[in-house]
Amino acid sequence: MSKWWLLIFILPLAILAGACSTRTYDPAVKEQVTNMVWPEAPETARIKFLRQFSKPEDMGIRESLSRKFRDALVGGEDRTMTRPYAVAVNSKIVVVADPGAAVIHIFDQERKTYRQLKDVGKHDLESPIGVALGGEKFYIADSKLGKVFILNQRLKLLSILGDLQRPTSLAFDPVNQRLYVAETLAHAIRVFDENGNDLFSIGERGEAETQFNFPSHLAFANNRLFVNDTMNFRIQILSPEGQHLQTFGKHGVGSGHLTQPKGVAVDSMDHVYVADALSNQVQIFEQDGTFLLGFGGAGEGPGTFQMPAGLAIWKDLIYVADSFNHRVQVFQFLREE
C-alpha cells in the first residue's frame, strides 16, 4: 500500500483524535480564571490574568492541510515550548526564546502563522536565550555560541556579533537605534548600532554605580535602560549613554526583596516589573524602589509560576516566560485613568 493510501486513513484519524483530545473546563473554574486579579477585592484590581499559551494552537494558529499531509509523511516538528526563557513582542508578532529546545518560536498574530527557527545561516542554535525586535530587524542571543545574530524581517541573516562572553539578554533603543547586550561573564553591557557596529561598553565587575555582578536581563523604555544586576540583587537604571540614574533592590525573601531576579520590563506608567524565579512571582516597583504589588505564586495552574524568567510588556499586556511550566502567560495592567 502506498504512503498516499495510508494518508487517506491516517489523516482523518489524526484530526479526529485531536478533536477528541480538546480540553473542557468546568464553568466555575473557567469563571474563576477569567476573574483572576491582583490584588483581590475589595482592593482595586491592578493586574488581570488573560491567557496562557505553549503552542501555536493556543494562539488560534492552525496547521494548514498541506502541512498536515507533509507532517504525516515525514514527521512534524515539535511545536510545544520546552523551557521558554525570553519574550519579545510588537503589534504583530510574539517571539519566544526556548533554550530547552534550542529553538526560537515565532507567532505571527496578524497573519495567524507560526514559524520555528532552529538555525540561522549556517549556525545551528544551541542555547538561544535572548531576543529583541527593533525597527526592521530581529536579534537573537545564543549564550553557548557567544554570538548575537541580526536578521531582517524575512529572517535572513544580515550579520553576526561574535566573541561575546555569554550574551544573555537584549534590549533595543528605538530612538537612537541601538542594541544593548548583557555580556554576563564580562559583567558589562555592550552597545551596538542597529547594524551591529560596536559603539561602547558600560560597566565592569563590582558593586558601585554602573558596576555589575553577572547582569542577566535588560529592558529599554522611555529613554532609559533597565539592568538586572543579578548577583548584586538590584535593578540599575541608566541613561542611553550609560550614566547612572537610579538603583533599587535588596536581597531577601519578603515582599519587595529579590531572591533570584530575572526578567525586567516597564509599563505605560513607568512601573518596573521584575520576575523573581525563586519566589515564583512578578514584583512591581516604582522607579525609586517603592514596592507596589506582587502577583503569581508557586504552582502549575493559571496565574502561578515555576521559575518565571523573561518579561515583555506591549500596550500594557504583560508576557511572562513561565519556564518550568513550559508556557508563556499573559496578564494585563489595569491602568487607572
C-alpha atoms as a PDB file:
ATOM      1  CA  MET A   1       0.000   0.000   0.000  1.00  0.00           C
ATOM      2  CA  SER A   2       1.420   3.405  -0.943  1.00  0.00           C
ATOM      3  CA  LYS A   3       2.004   6.235   1.512  1.00  0.00           C
ATOM      4  CA  TRP A   4      -0.759   8.241  -0.157  1.00  0.00           C
ATOM      5  CA  TRP A   5      -3.319   5.492   0.506  1.00  0.00           C
ATOM      6  CA  LEU A   6      -2.115   5.356   4.111  1.00  0.00           C
ATOM      7  CA  LEU A   7      -2.703   9.092   4.403  1.00  0.00           C
ATOM      8  CA  ILE A   8      -6.345   8.656   3.431  1.00  0.00           C
ATOM      9  CA  PHE A   9      -6.811   6.556   6.561  1.00  0.00           C
ATOM     10  CA  ILE A  10      -4.278   8.137   8.919  1.00  0.00           C
ATOM     11  CA  LEU A  11      -5.037  11.835   8.484  1.00  0.00           C
ATOM     12  CA  PRO A  12      -8.773  11.726   9.306  1.00  0.00           C
ATOM     13  CA  LEU A  13      -7.988   9.615  12.379  1.00  0.00           C
ATOM     14  CA  ALA A  14      -5.347  12.123  13.493  1.00  0.00           C
ATOM     15  CA  ILE A  15      -7.746  15.026  13.029  1.00  0.00           C
ATOM     16  CA  LEU A  16     -10.466  13.163  14.927  1.00  0.00           C
ATOM     17  CA  ALA A  17      -8.045  12.316  17.725  1.00  0.00           C
ATOM     18  CA  GLY A  18      -7.095  15.962  18.019  1.00  0.00           C
ATOM     19  CA  ALA A  19     -10.736  16.984  18.232  1.00  0.00           C
ATOM     20  CA  CYS A  20     -11.463  14.377  20.872  1.00  0.00           C
ATOM     21  CA  SER A  21      -8.493  15.495  22.987  1.00  0.00           C
ATOM     22  CA  THR A  22      -9.738  19.101  23.272  1.00  0.00           C
ATOM     23  CA  ARG A  23      -9.755  20.043  26.922  1.00  0.00           C
ATOM     24  CA  THR A  24     -13.004  21.003  28.560  1.00  0.00           C
ATOM     25  CA  TYR A  25     -13.271  23.097  31.680  1.00  0.00           C
ATOM     26  CA  ASP A  26     -15.730  23.211  34.480  1.00  0.00           C
ATOM     27  CA  PRO A  27     -17.668  26.523  34.073  1.00  0.00           C
ATOM     28  CA  ALA A  28     -16.939  27.511  37.665  1.00  0.00           C
ATOM     29  CA  VAL A  29     -13.201  27.033  37.141  1.00  0.00           C
ATOM     30  CA  LYS A  30     -13.322  28.950  33.862  1.00  0.00           C
ATOM     31  CA  GLU A  31     -15.105  31.865  35.537  1.00  0.00           C
ATOM     32  CA  GLN A  32     -12.564  31.858  38.347  1.00  0.00           C
ATOM     33  CA  VAL A  33      -9.693  32.067  35.831  1.00  0.00           C
ATOM     34  CA  THR A  34     -11.470  34.798  33.858  1.00  0.00           C
ATOM     35  CA  ASN A  35     -11.805  36.879  37.015  1.00  0.00           C
ATOM     36  CA  MET A  36      -8.283  36.254  38.381  1.00  0.00           C
ATOM     37  CA  VAL A  37      -6.907  39.620  39.501  1.00  0.00           C
ATOM     38  CA  TRP A  38      -4.331  41.107  41.870  1.00  0.00           C
ATOM     39  CA  PRO A  39      -4.921  42.462  44.439  1.00  0.00           C
ATOM     40  CA  GLU A  40      -8.174  40.752  45.283  1.00  0.00           C
ATOM     41  CA  ALA A  41     -11.378  42.572  46.186  1.00  0.00           C
ATOM     42  CA  PRO A  42     -12.214  44.783  47.967  1.00  0.00           C
ATOM     43  CA  GLU A  43      -8.976  46.450  46.806  1.00  0.00           C
ATOM     44  CA  THR A  44      -8.853  47.902  43.305  1.00  0.00           C
ATOM     45  CA  ALA A  45      -7.535  45.336  40.812  1.00  0.00           C
ATOM     46  CA  ARG A  46      -4.337  46.323  39.025  1.00  0.00           C
ATOM     47  CA  ILE A  47      -3.269  43.075  37.304  1.00  0.00           C
ATOM     48  CA  LYS A  48      -5.555  40.638  35.487  1.00  0.00           C
ATOM     49  CA  PHE A  49      -4.780  37.187  34.104  1.00  0.00           C
ATOM     50  CA  LEU A  50      -5.763  36.926  30.436  1.00  0.00           C
ATOM     51  CA  ARG A  51      -4.461  33.697  28.913  1.00  0.00           C
ATOM     52  CA  GLN A  52      -1.577  31.280  28.530  1.00  0.00           C
ATOM     53  CA  PHE A  53      -0.021  29.530  25.564  1.00  0.00           C
ATOM     54  CA  SER A  54       2.557  26.839  24.948  1.00  0.00           C
ATOM     55  CA  LYS A  55       1.948  26.030  21.272  1.00  0.00           C
ATOM     56  CA  PRO A  56       0.532  27.728  18.155  1.00  0.00           C
ATOM     57  CA  GLU A  57      -2.923  26.219  18.603  1.00  0.00           C
ATOM     58  CA  ASP A  58      -3.250  28.085  21.906  1.00  0.00           C
ATOM     59  CA  MET A  59      -2.872  31.310  19.887  1.00  0.00           C
ATOM     60  CA  GLY A  60      -5.524  30.302  17.374  1.00  0.00           C
ATOM     61  CA  ILE A  61      -2.868  29.310  14.815  1.00  0.00           C
ATOM     62  CA  ARG A  62      -3.698  26.072  12.989  1.00  0.00           C
ATOM     63  CA  GLU A  63      -1.636  23.929  10.669  1.00  0.00           C
ATOM     64  CA  SER A  64      -2.590  24.141   7.021  1.00  0.00           C
ATOM     65  CA  LEU A  65      -3.938  20.983   5.362  1.00  0.00           C
ATOM     66  CA  SER A  66      -0.855  20.756   3.143  1.00  0.00           C
ATOM     67  CA  ARG A  67       1.400  20.905   6.199  1.00  0.00           C
ATOM     68  CA  LYS A  68      -0.606  18.155   7.894  1.00  0.00           C
ATOM     69  CA  PHE A  69      -0.084  15.969   4.833  1.00  0.00           C
ATOM     70  CA  ARG A  70       3.637  16.718   4.861  1.00  0.00           C
ATOM     71  CA  ASP A  71       3.947  16.061   8.581  1.00  0.00           C
ATOM     72  CA  ALA A  72       2.152  12.736   8.149  1.00  0.00           C
ATOM     73  CA  LEU A  73       4.705  11.771   5.514  1.00  0.00           C
ATOM     74  CA  VAL A  74       7.984  12.934   7.021  1.00  0.00           C
ATOM     75  CA  GLY A  75       7.094  13.763  10.606  1.00  0.00           C
ATOM     76  CA  GLY A  76       6.246  17.150  12.067  1.00  0.00           C
ATOM     77  CA  GLU A  77       8.263  19.497  14.231  1.00  0.00           C
ATOM     78  CA  ASP A  78       7.511  19.693  17.932  1.00  0.00           C
ATOM     79  CA  ARG A  79       5.618  22.985  18.229  1.00  0.00           C
ATOM     80  CA  THR A  80       5.324  22.948  22.048  1.00  0.00           C
ATOM     81  CA  MET A  81       7.605  25.036  24.258  1.00  0.00           C
ATOM     82  CA  THR A  82      10.175  23.181  26.339  1.00  0.00           C
ATOM     83  CA  ARG A  83      11.789  25.849  28.531  1.00  0.00           C
ATOM     84  CA  PRO A  84      10.827  29.353  27.389  1.00  0.00           C
ATOM     85  CA  TYR A  85      13.247  31.913  28.739  1.00  0.00           C
ATOM     86  CA  ALA A  86      12.782  35.247  26.945  1.00  0.00           C
ATOM     87  CA  VAL A  87       9.955  37.026  25.136  1.00  0.00           C
ATOM     88  CA  ALA A  88       9.827  39.903  22.642  1.00  0.00           C
ATOM     89  CA  VAL A  89       6.580  41.437  21.428  1.00  0.00           C
ATOM     90  CA  ASN A  90       5.332  44.051  18.997  1.00  0.00           C
ATOM     91  CA  SER A  91       1.983  44.789  17.366  1.00  0.00           C
ATOM     92  CA  LYS A  92       2.280  41.819  15.006  1.00  0.00           C
ATOM     93  CA  ILE A  93       4.378  39.039  16.480  1.00  0.00           C
ATOM     94  CA  VAL A  94       5.356  37.304  19.688  1.00  0.00           C
ATOM     95  CA  VAL A  95       8.844  35.782  19.726  1.00  0.00           C
ATOM     96  CA  VAL A  96       9.909  33.287  22.397  1.00  0.00           C
ATOM     97  CA  ALA A  97      13.472  32.099  23.006  1.00  0.00           C
ATOM     98  CA  ASP A  98      13.399  28.450  24.085  1.00  0.00           C
ATOM     99  CA  PRO A  99      16.891  27.252  25.077  1.00  0.00           C
ATOM    100  CA  GLY A 100      15.403  23.999  26.355  1.00  0.00           C
ATOM    101  CA  ALA A 101      14.517  23.031  22.795  1.00  0.00           C
ATOM    102  CA  ALA A 102      17.286  25.147  21.193  1.00  0.00           C
ATOM    103  CA  VAL A 103      14.717  26.946  19.039  1.00  0.00           C
ATOM    104  CA  ILE A 104      13.050  30.318  18.559  1.00  0.00           C
ATOM    105  CA  HIS A 105       9.233  30.263  18.356  1.00  0.00           C
ATOM    106  CA  ILE A 106       7.682  32.992  16.196  1.00  0.00           C
ATOM    107  CA  PHE A 107       3.926  33.535  16.498  1.00  0.00           C
ATOM    108  CA  ASP A 108       2.537  35.946  13.900  1.00  0.00           C
ATOM    109  CA  GLN A 109      -0.681  37.203  15.472  1.00  0.00           C
ATOM    110  CA  GLU A 110      -1.624  39.249  12.417  1.00  0.00           C
ATOM    111  CA  ARG A 111      -1.239  36.540   9.774  1.00  0.00           C
ATOM    112  CA  LYS A 112      -2.065  33.658  12.128  1.00  0.00           C
ATOM    113  CA  THR A 113       1.104  31.786  11.230  1.00  0.00           C
ATOM    114  CA  TYR A 114       3.840  30.052  13.195  1.00  0.00           C
ATOM    115  CA  ARG A 115       7.496  29.559  12.382  1.00  0.00           C
ATOM    116  CA  GLN A 116      10.298  27.876  14.257  1.00  0.00           C
ATOM    117  CA  LEU A 117      13.980  28.749  13.946  1.00  0.00           C
ATOM    118  CA  LYS A 118      16.496  26.018  14.712  1.00  0.00           C
ATOM    119  CA  ASP A 119      19.363  27.513  12.749  1.00  0.00           C
ATOM    120  CA  VAL A 120      20.487  30.888  11.458  1.00  0.00           C
ATOM    121  CA  GLY A 121      22.505  30.880   8.277  1.00  0.00           C
ATOM    122  CA  LYS A 122      24.983  28.022   8.706  1.00  0.00           C
ATOM    123  CA  HIS A 123      24.785  28.133  12.503  1.00  0.00           C
ATOM    124  CA  ASP A 124      22.647  25.677  14.475  1.00  0.00           C
ATOM    125  CA  LEU A 125      21.227  27.366  17.551  1.00  0.00           C
ATOM    126  CA  GLU A 126      22.466  25.790  20.773  1.00  0.00           C
ATOM    127  CA  SER A 127      21.191  27.997  23.585  1.00  0.00           C
ATOM    128  CA  PRO A 128      19.010  30.816  22.190  1.00  0.00           C
ATOM    129  CA  ILE A 129      18.355  32.761  25.358  1.00  0.00           C
ATOM    130  CA  GLY A 130      17.670  36.375  24.341  1.00  0.00           C
ATOM    131  CA  VAL A 131      15.504  38.033  21.679  1.00  0.00           C
ATOM    132  CA  ALA A 132      14.738  41.608  20.670  1.00  0.00           C
ATOM    133  CA  LEU A 133      12.712  43.335  17.959  1.00  0.00           C
ATOM    134  CA  GLY A 134      13.945  46.661  16.654  1.00  0.00           C
ATOM    135  CA  GLY A 135      12.924  48.621  13.593  1.00  0.00           C
ATOM    136  CA  GLU A 136      13.067  46.288  10.620  1.00  0.00           C
ATOM    137  CA  LYS A 137      15.401  43.841  12.352  1.00  0.00           C
ATOM    138  CA  PHE A 138      15.237  40.835  14.618  1.00  0.00           C
ATOM    139  CA  TYR A 139      18.004  39.971  17.114  1.00  0.00           C
ATOM    140  CA  ILE A 140      18.851  36.607  18.750  1.00  0.00           C
ATOM    141  CA  ALA A 141      21.423  35.994  21.510  1.00  0.00           C
ATOM    142  CA  ASP A 142      22.861  32.488  21.864  1.00  0.00           C
ATOM    143  CA  SER A 143      24.721  32.226  25.163  1.00  0.00           C
ATOM    144  CA  LYS A 144      26.513  28.972  24.361  1.00  0.00           C
ATOM    145  CA  LEU A 145      27.712  30.131  20.945  1.00  0.00           C
ATOM    146  CA  GLY A 146      28.683  33.521  22.363  1.00  0.00           C
ATOM    147  CA  LYS A 147      27.017  35.266  19.436  1.00  0.00           C
ATOM    148  CA  VAL A 148      24.209  37.655  18.602  1.00  0.00           C
ATOM    149  CA  PHE A 149      22.547  37.180  15.223  1.00  0.00           C
ATOM    150  CA  ILE A 150      20.954  40.073  13.324  1.00  0.00           C
ATOM    151  CA  LEU A 151      18.203  39.114  10.872  1.00  0.00           C
ATOM    152  CA  ASN A 152      15.842  41.040   8.633  1.00  0.00           C
ATOM    153  CA  GLN A 153      12.044  40.721   8.670  1.00  0.00           C
ATOM    154  CA  ARG A 154      12.241  37.702   6.382  1.00  0.00           C
ATOM    155  CA  LEU A 155      14.615  36.090   8.896  1.00  0.00           C
ATOM    156  CA  LYS A 156      17.563  36.292   6.546  1.00  0.00           C
ATOM    157  CA  LEU A 157      20.895  36.578   8.369  1.00  0.00           C
ATOM    158  CA  LEU A 158      22.437  40.026   7.971  1.00  0.00           C
ATOM    159  CA  SER A 159      25.374  39.958  10.386  1.00  0.00           C
ATOM    160  CA  ILE A 160      26.808  38.277  13.473  1.00  0.00           C
ATOM    161  CA  LEU A 161      28.208  39.793  16.644  1.00  0.00           C
ATOM    162  CA  GLY A 162      30.750  37.249  17.869  1.00  0.00           C
ATOM    163  CA  ASP A 163      33.265  36.588  20.624  1.00  0.00           C
ATOM    164  CA  LEU A 164      30.864  37.728  23.344  1.00  0.00           C
ATOM    165  CA  GLN A 165      31.215  36.403  26.884  1.00  0.00           C
ATOM    166  CA  ARG A 166      27.862  34.695  27.395  1.00  0.00           C
ATOM    167  CA  PRO A 167      25.355  37.163  25.927  1.00  0.00           C
ATOM    168  CA  THR A 168      22.116  36.545  27.793  1.00  0.00           C
ATOM    169  CA  SER A 169      19.715  39.411  27.175  1.00  0.00           C
ATOM    170  CA  LEU A 170      18.982  42.051  24.552  1.00  0.00           C
ATOM    171  CA  ALA A 171      17.202  45.411  24.590  1.00  0.00           C
ATOM    172  CA  PHE A 172      16.641  47.819  21.699  1.00  0.00           C
ATOM    173  CA  ASP A 173      16.511  51.621  21.849  1.00  0.00           C
ATOM    174  CA  PRO A 174      14.063  52.657  19.088  1.00  0.00           C
ATOM    175  CA  VAL A 175      15.032  56.341  19.211  1.00  0.00           C
ATOM    176  CA  ASN A 176      18.811  56.048  18.909  1.00  0.00           C
ATOM    177  CA  GLN A 177      18.568  52.717  17.048  1.00  0.00           C
ATOM    178  CA  ARG A 178      20.919  50.942  19.429  1.00  0.00           C
ATOM    179  CA  LEU A 179      21.137  47.366  20.623  1.00  0.00           C
ATOM    180  CA  TYR A 180      22.143  46.681  24.237  1.00  0.00           C
ATOM    181  CA  VAL A 181      23.640  43.262  25.034  1.00  0.00           C
ATOM    182  CA  ALA A 182      24.078  41.891  28.558  1.00  0.00           C
ATOM    183  CA  GLU A 183      27.517  40.266  28.398  1.00  0.00           C
ATOM    184  CA  THR A 184      27.106  38.321  31.601  1.00  0.00           C
ATOM    185  CA  LEU A 185      30.564  36.816  32.104  1.00  0.00           C
ATOM    186  CA  ALA A 186      32.223  40.153  31.295  1.00  0.00           C
ATOM    187  CA  HIS A 187      29.981  41.889  33.870  1.00  0.00           C
ATOM    188  CA  ALA A 188      29.222  44.563  31.288  1.00  0.00           C
ATOM    189  CA  ILE A 189      26.649  45.890  28.839  1.00  0.00           C
ATOM    190  CA  ARG A 190      27.840  46.120  25.232  1.00  0.00           C
ATOM    191  CA  VAL A 191      26.235  48.705  22.962  1.00  0.00           C
ATOM    192  CA  PHE A 192      25.959  48.373  19.171  1.00  0.00           C
ATOM    193  CA  ASP A 193      24.185  50.272  16.449  1.00  0.00           C
ATOM    194  CA  GLU A 194      21.299  48.585  14.639  1.00  0.00           C
ATOM    195  CA  ASN A 195      23.675  47.059  12.084  1.00  0.00           C
ATOM    196  CA  GLY A 196      26.000  45.569  14.687  1.00  0.00           C
ATOM    197  CA  ASN A 197      28.770  48.146  14.756  1.00  0.00           C
ATOM    198  CA  ASP A 198      30.399  48.240  18.202  1.00  0.00           C
ATOM    199  CA  LEU A 199      29.806  51.622  19.875  1.00  0.00           C
ATOM    200  CA  PHE A 200      30.853  51.359  23.522  1.00  0.00           C
ATOM    201  CA  SER A 201      30.700  49.270  26.681  1.00  0.00           C
ATOM    202  CA  ILE A 202      29.129  50.031  30.058  1.00  0.00           C
ATOM    203  CA  GLY A 203      30.438  48.725  33.362  1.00  0.00           C
ATOM    204  CA  GLU A 204      32.807  46.252  34.929  1.00  0.00           C
ATOM    205  CA  ARG A 205      32.617  43.870  37.843  1.00  0.00           C
ATOM    206  CA  GLY A 206      31.837  45.465  41.187  1.00  0.00           C
ATOM    207  CA  GLU A 207      29.164  46.844  43.490  1.00  0.00           C
ATOM    208  CA  ALA A 208      29.391  50.573  42.777  1.00  0.00           C
ATOM    209  CA  GLU A 209      27.150  52.509  40.404  1.00  0.00           C
ATOM    210  CA  THR A 210      27.394  51.236  36.796  1.00  0.00           C
ATOM    211  CA  GLN A 211      29.318  48.223  38.038  1.00  0.00           C
ATOM    212  CA  PHE A 212      27.720  44.800  37.726  1.00  0.00           C
ATOM    213  CA  ASN A 213      27.845  41.279  39.072  1.00  0.00           C
ATOM    214  CA  PHE A 214      26.593  38.894  36.378  1.00  0.00           C
ATOM    215  CA  PRO A 215      23.962  41.137  34.721  1.00  0.00           C
ATOM    216  CA  SER A 216      21.359  38.890  33.119  1.00  0.00           C
ATOM    217  CA  HIS A 217      18.285  40.755  31.846  1.00  0.00           C
ATOM    218  CA  LEU A 218      17.663  44.107  30.176  1.00  0.00           C
ATOM    219  CA  ALA A 219      14.782  46.356  29.192  1.00  0.00           C
ATOM    220  CA  PHE A 220      14.656  49.698  27.424  1.00  0.00           C
ATOM    221  CA  ALA A 221      11.722  52.060  27.950  1.00  0.00           C
ATOM    222  CA  ASN A 222      11.114  55.813  27.847  1.00  0.00           C
ATOM    223  CA  ASN A 223      14.740  56.617  27.100  1.00  0.00           C
ATOM    224  CA  ARG A 224      16.062  54.553  29.993  1.00  0.00           C
ATOM    225  CA  LEU A 225      17.973  51.293  30.193  1.00  0.00           C
ATOM    226  CA  PHE A 226      16.980  48.895  32.985  1.00  0.00           C
ATOM    227  CA  VAL A 227      19.610  46.349  34.018  1.00  0.00           C
ATOM    228  CA  ASN A 228      19.003  43.354  36.230  1.00  0.00           C
ATOM    229  CA  ASP A 229      22.290  43.373  38.151  1.00  0.00           C
ATOM    230  CA  THR A 230      21.580  39.813  39.174  1.00  0.00           C
ATOM    231  CA  MET A 231      24.136  38.844  41.773  1.00  0.00           C
ATOM    232  CA  ASN A 232      24.075  42.308  43.315  1.00  0.00           C
ATOM    233  CA  PHE A 233      20.313  41.704  43.734  1.00  0.00           C
ATOM    234  CA  ARG A 234      19.318  45.070  42.354  1.00  0.00           C
ATOM    235  CA  ILE A 235      17.990  46.905  39.324  1.00  0.00           C
ATOM    236  CA  GLN A 236      20.128  49.706  37.915  1.00  0.00           C
ATOM    237  CA  ILE A 237      18.513  52.395  35.752  1.00  0.00           C
ATOM    238  CA  LEU A 238      20.827  54.086  33.260  1.00  0.00           C
ATOM    239  CA  SER A 239      20.677  56.733  30.564  1.00  0.00           C
ATOM    240  CA  PRO A 240      21.121  55.593  26.936  1.00  0.00           C
ATOM    241  CA  GLU A 241      24.787  56.595  27.227  1.00  0.00           C
ATOM    242  CA  GLY A 242      25.270  54.564  30.394  1.00  0.00           C
ATOM    243  CA  GLN A 243      25.119  57.238  33.091  1.00  0.00           C
ATOM    244  CA  HIS A 244      23.693  56.060  36.398  1.00  0.00           C
ATOM    245  CA  LEU A 245      20.225  57.406  37.235  1.00  0.00           C
ATOM    246  CA  GLN A 246      18.745  55.173  39.930  1.00  0.00           C
ATOM    247  CA  THR A 247      19.292  51.890  41.776  1.00  0.00           C
ATOM    248  CA  PHE A 248      16.845  49.852  43.811  1.00  0.00           C
ATOM    249  CA  GLY A 249      16.523  46.356  45.208  1.00  0.00           C
ATOM    250  CA  LYS A 250      17.941  44.266  48.024  1.00  0.00           C
ATOM    251  CA  HIS A 251      18.429  40.584  48.733  1.00  0.00           C
ATOM    252  CA  GLY A 252      15.805  38.874  50.847  1.00  0.00           C
ATOM    253  CA  VAL A 253      12.715  36.698  50.856  1.00  0.00           C
ATOM    254  CA  GLY A 254       9.949  39.147  51.766  1.00  0.00           C
ATOM    255  CA  SER A 255       7.789  41.339  49.564  1.00  0.00           C
ATOM    256  CA  GLY A 256       9.917  43.888  47.764  1.00  0.00           C
ATOM    257  CA  HIS A 257      13.067  41.777  48.181  1.00  0.00           C
ATOM    258  CA  LEU A 258      14.862  39.884  45.414  1.00  0.00           C
ATOM    259  CA  THR A 259      15.945  36.259  45.668  1.00  0.00           C
ATOM    260  CA  GLN A 260      16.771  35.336  42.069  1.00  0.00           C
ATOM    261  CA  PRO A 261      15.741  38.254  39.846  1.00  0.00           C
ATOM    262  CA  LYS A 262      15.455  37.617  36.125  1.00  0.00           C
ATOM    263  CA  GLY A 263      13.240  39.411  33.593  1.00  0.00           C
ATOM    264  CA  VAL A 264      12.604  43.141  33.831  1.00  0.00           C
ATOM    265  CA  ALA A 265      10.019  45.267  31.969  1.00  0.00           C
ATOM    266  CA  VAL A 266       8.222  48.620  32.240  1.00  0.00           C
ATOM    267  CA  ASP A 267       4.545  49.505  31.772  1.00  0.00           C
ATOM    268  CA  SER A 268       2.902  52.693  30.452  1.00  0.00           C
ATOM    269  CA  MET A 269       3.060  54.364  33.868  1.00  0.00           C
ATOM    270  CA  ASP A 270       6.787  53.641  34.277  1.00  0.00           C
ATOM    271  CA  HIS A 271       6.269  50.905  36.862  1.00  0.00           C
ATOM    272  CA  VAL A 272       9.127  48.397  36.830  1.00  0.00           C
ATOM    273  CA  TYR A 273       8.281  44.679  36.777  1.00  0.00           C
ATOM    274  CA  VAL A 274      10.826  42.119  37.970  1.00  0.00           C
ATOM    275  CA  ALA A 275      10.387  38.360  37.627  1.00  0.00           C
ATOM    276  CA  ASP A 276      11.774  36.564  40.664  1.00  0.00           C
ATOM    277  CA  ALA A 277      12.431  32.930  39.837  1.00  0.00           C
ATOM    278  CA  LEU A 278      12.834  31.543  43.358  1.00  0.00           C
ATOM    279  CA  SER A 279       9.787  33.268  44.828  1.00  0.00           C
ATOM    280  CA  ASN A 280       7.767  32.378  41.710  1.00  0.00           C
ATOM    281  CA  GLN A 281       6.215  35.787  41.355  1.00  0.00           C
ATOM    282  CA  VAL A 282       6.464  39.045  39.473  1.00  0.00           C
ATOM    283  CA  GLN A 283       7.019  42.113  41.641  1.00  0.00           C
ATOM    284  CA  ILE A 284       6.130  45.672  40.668  1.00  0.00           C
ATOM    285  CA  PHE A 285       8.053  48.749  41.828  1.00  0.00           C
ATOM    286  CA  GLU A 286       8.141  52.467  41.362  1.00  0.00           C
ATOM    287  CA  GLN A 287      11.420  53.569  39.838  1.00  0.00           C
ATOM    288  CA  ASP A 288      12.563  54.887  43.228  1.00  0.00           C
ATOM    289  CA  GLY A 289      12.266  51.319  44.539  1.00  0.00           C
ATOM    290  CA  THR A 290       8.909  51.622  46.305  1.00  0.00           C
ATOM    291  CA  PHE A 291       7.289  48.191  46.285  1.00  0.00           C
ATOM    292  CA  LEU A 292       3.750  48.253  44.872  1.00  0.00           C
ATOM    293  CA  LEU A 293       2.476  44.743  44.290  1.00  0.00           C
ATOM    294  CA  GLY A 294       3.435  41.144  43.677  1.00  0.00           C
ATOM    295  CA  PHE A 295       1.454  38.622  41.669  1.00  0.00           C
ATOM    296  CA  GLY A 296       1.734  34.914  40.967  1.00  0.00           C
ATOM    297  CA  GLY A 297       2.992  32.276  43.376  1.00  0.00           C
ATOM    298  CA  ALA A 298       4.293  28.733  43.033  1.00  0.00           C
ATOM    299  CA  GLY A 299       2.114  26.332  41.058  1.00  0.00           C
ATOM    300  CA  GLU A 300       1.097  24.887  37.722  1.00  0.00           C
ATOM    301  CA  GLY A 301      -2.314  26.482  37.263  1.00  0.00           C
ATOM    302  CA  PRO A 302      -3.129  29.770  35.547  1.00  0.00           C
ATOM    303  CA  GLY A 303      -1.627  32.770  37.317  1.00  0.00           C
ATOM    304  CA  THR A 304       1.056  30.729  39.091  1.00  0.00           C
ATOM    305  CA  PHE A 305       4.661  30.090  38.073  1.00  0.00           C
ATOM    306  CA  GLN A 306       7.548  27.670  38.161  1.00  0.00           C
ATOM    307  CA  MET A 307      10.767  29.644  37.701  1.00  0.00           C
ATOM    308  CA  PRO A 308       9.497  32.669  35.759  1.00  0.00           C
ATOM    309  CA  ALA A 309      12.208  34.213  33.607  1.00  0.00           C
ATOM    310  CA  GLY A 310      11.879  36.749  30.787  1.00  0.00           C
ATOM    311  CA  LEU A 311       9.310  39.539  30.714  1.00  0.00           C
ATOM    312  CA  ALA A 312       7.971  41.735  27.927  1.00  0.00           C
ATOM    313  CA  ILE A 313       5.283  44.422  28.013  1.00  0.00           C
ATOM    314  CA  TRP A 314       3.438  45.726  24.950  1.00  0.00           C
ATOM    315  CA  LYS A 315       0.494  48.129  25.296  1.00  0.00           C
ATOM    316  CA  ASP A 316       0.236  47.124  28.981  1.00  0.00           C
ATOM    317  CA  LEU A 317      -0.039  43.424  28.140  1.00  0.00           C
ATOM    318  CA  ILE A 318       2.492  41.590  30.301  1.00  0.00           C
ATOM    319  CA  TYR A 319       4.116  38.468  28.839  1.00  0.00           C
ATOM    320  CA  VAL A 320       5.859  36.166  31.332  1.00  0.00           C
ATOM    321  CA  ALA A 321       8.078  33.266  30.244  1.00  0.00           C
ATOM    322  CA  ASP A 322       6.963  30.648  32.785  1.00  0.00           C
ATOM    323  CA  SER A 323       9.982  28.428  32.163  1.00  0.00           C
ATOM    324  CA  PHE A 324       9.325  25.208  34.034  1.00  0.00           C
ATOM    325  CA  ASN A 325       5.600  25.257  33.265  1.00  0.00           C
ATOM    326  CA  HIS A 326       6.605  25.240  29.569  1.00  0.00           C
ATOM    327  CA  ARG A 327       4.420  28.214  28.666  1.00  0.00           C
ATOM    328  CA  VAL A 328       4.031  31.948  28.383  1.00  0.00           C
ATOM    329  CA  GLN A 329       1.353  33.621  30.473  1.00  0.00           C
ATOM    330  CA  VAL A 330      -0.271  36.919  29.541  1.00  0.00           C
ATOM    331  CA  PHE A 331      -1.587  39.460  32.038  1.00  0.00           C
ATOM    332  CA  GLN A 332      -2.953  42.973  31.726  1.00  0.00           C
ATOM    333  CA  PHE A 333      -2.022  46.044  33.708  1.00  0.00           C
ATOM    334  CA  LEU A 334      -5.321  47.723  34.587  1.00  0.00           C
ATOM    335  CA  ARG A 335      -4.347  51.328  34.294  1.00  0.00           C
ATOM    336  CA  GLU A 336      -6.199  53.827  36.455  1.00  0.00           C
ATOM    337  CA  GLU A 337      -7.495  56.571  34.157  1.00  0.00           C
END
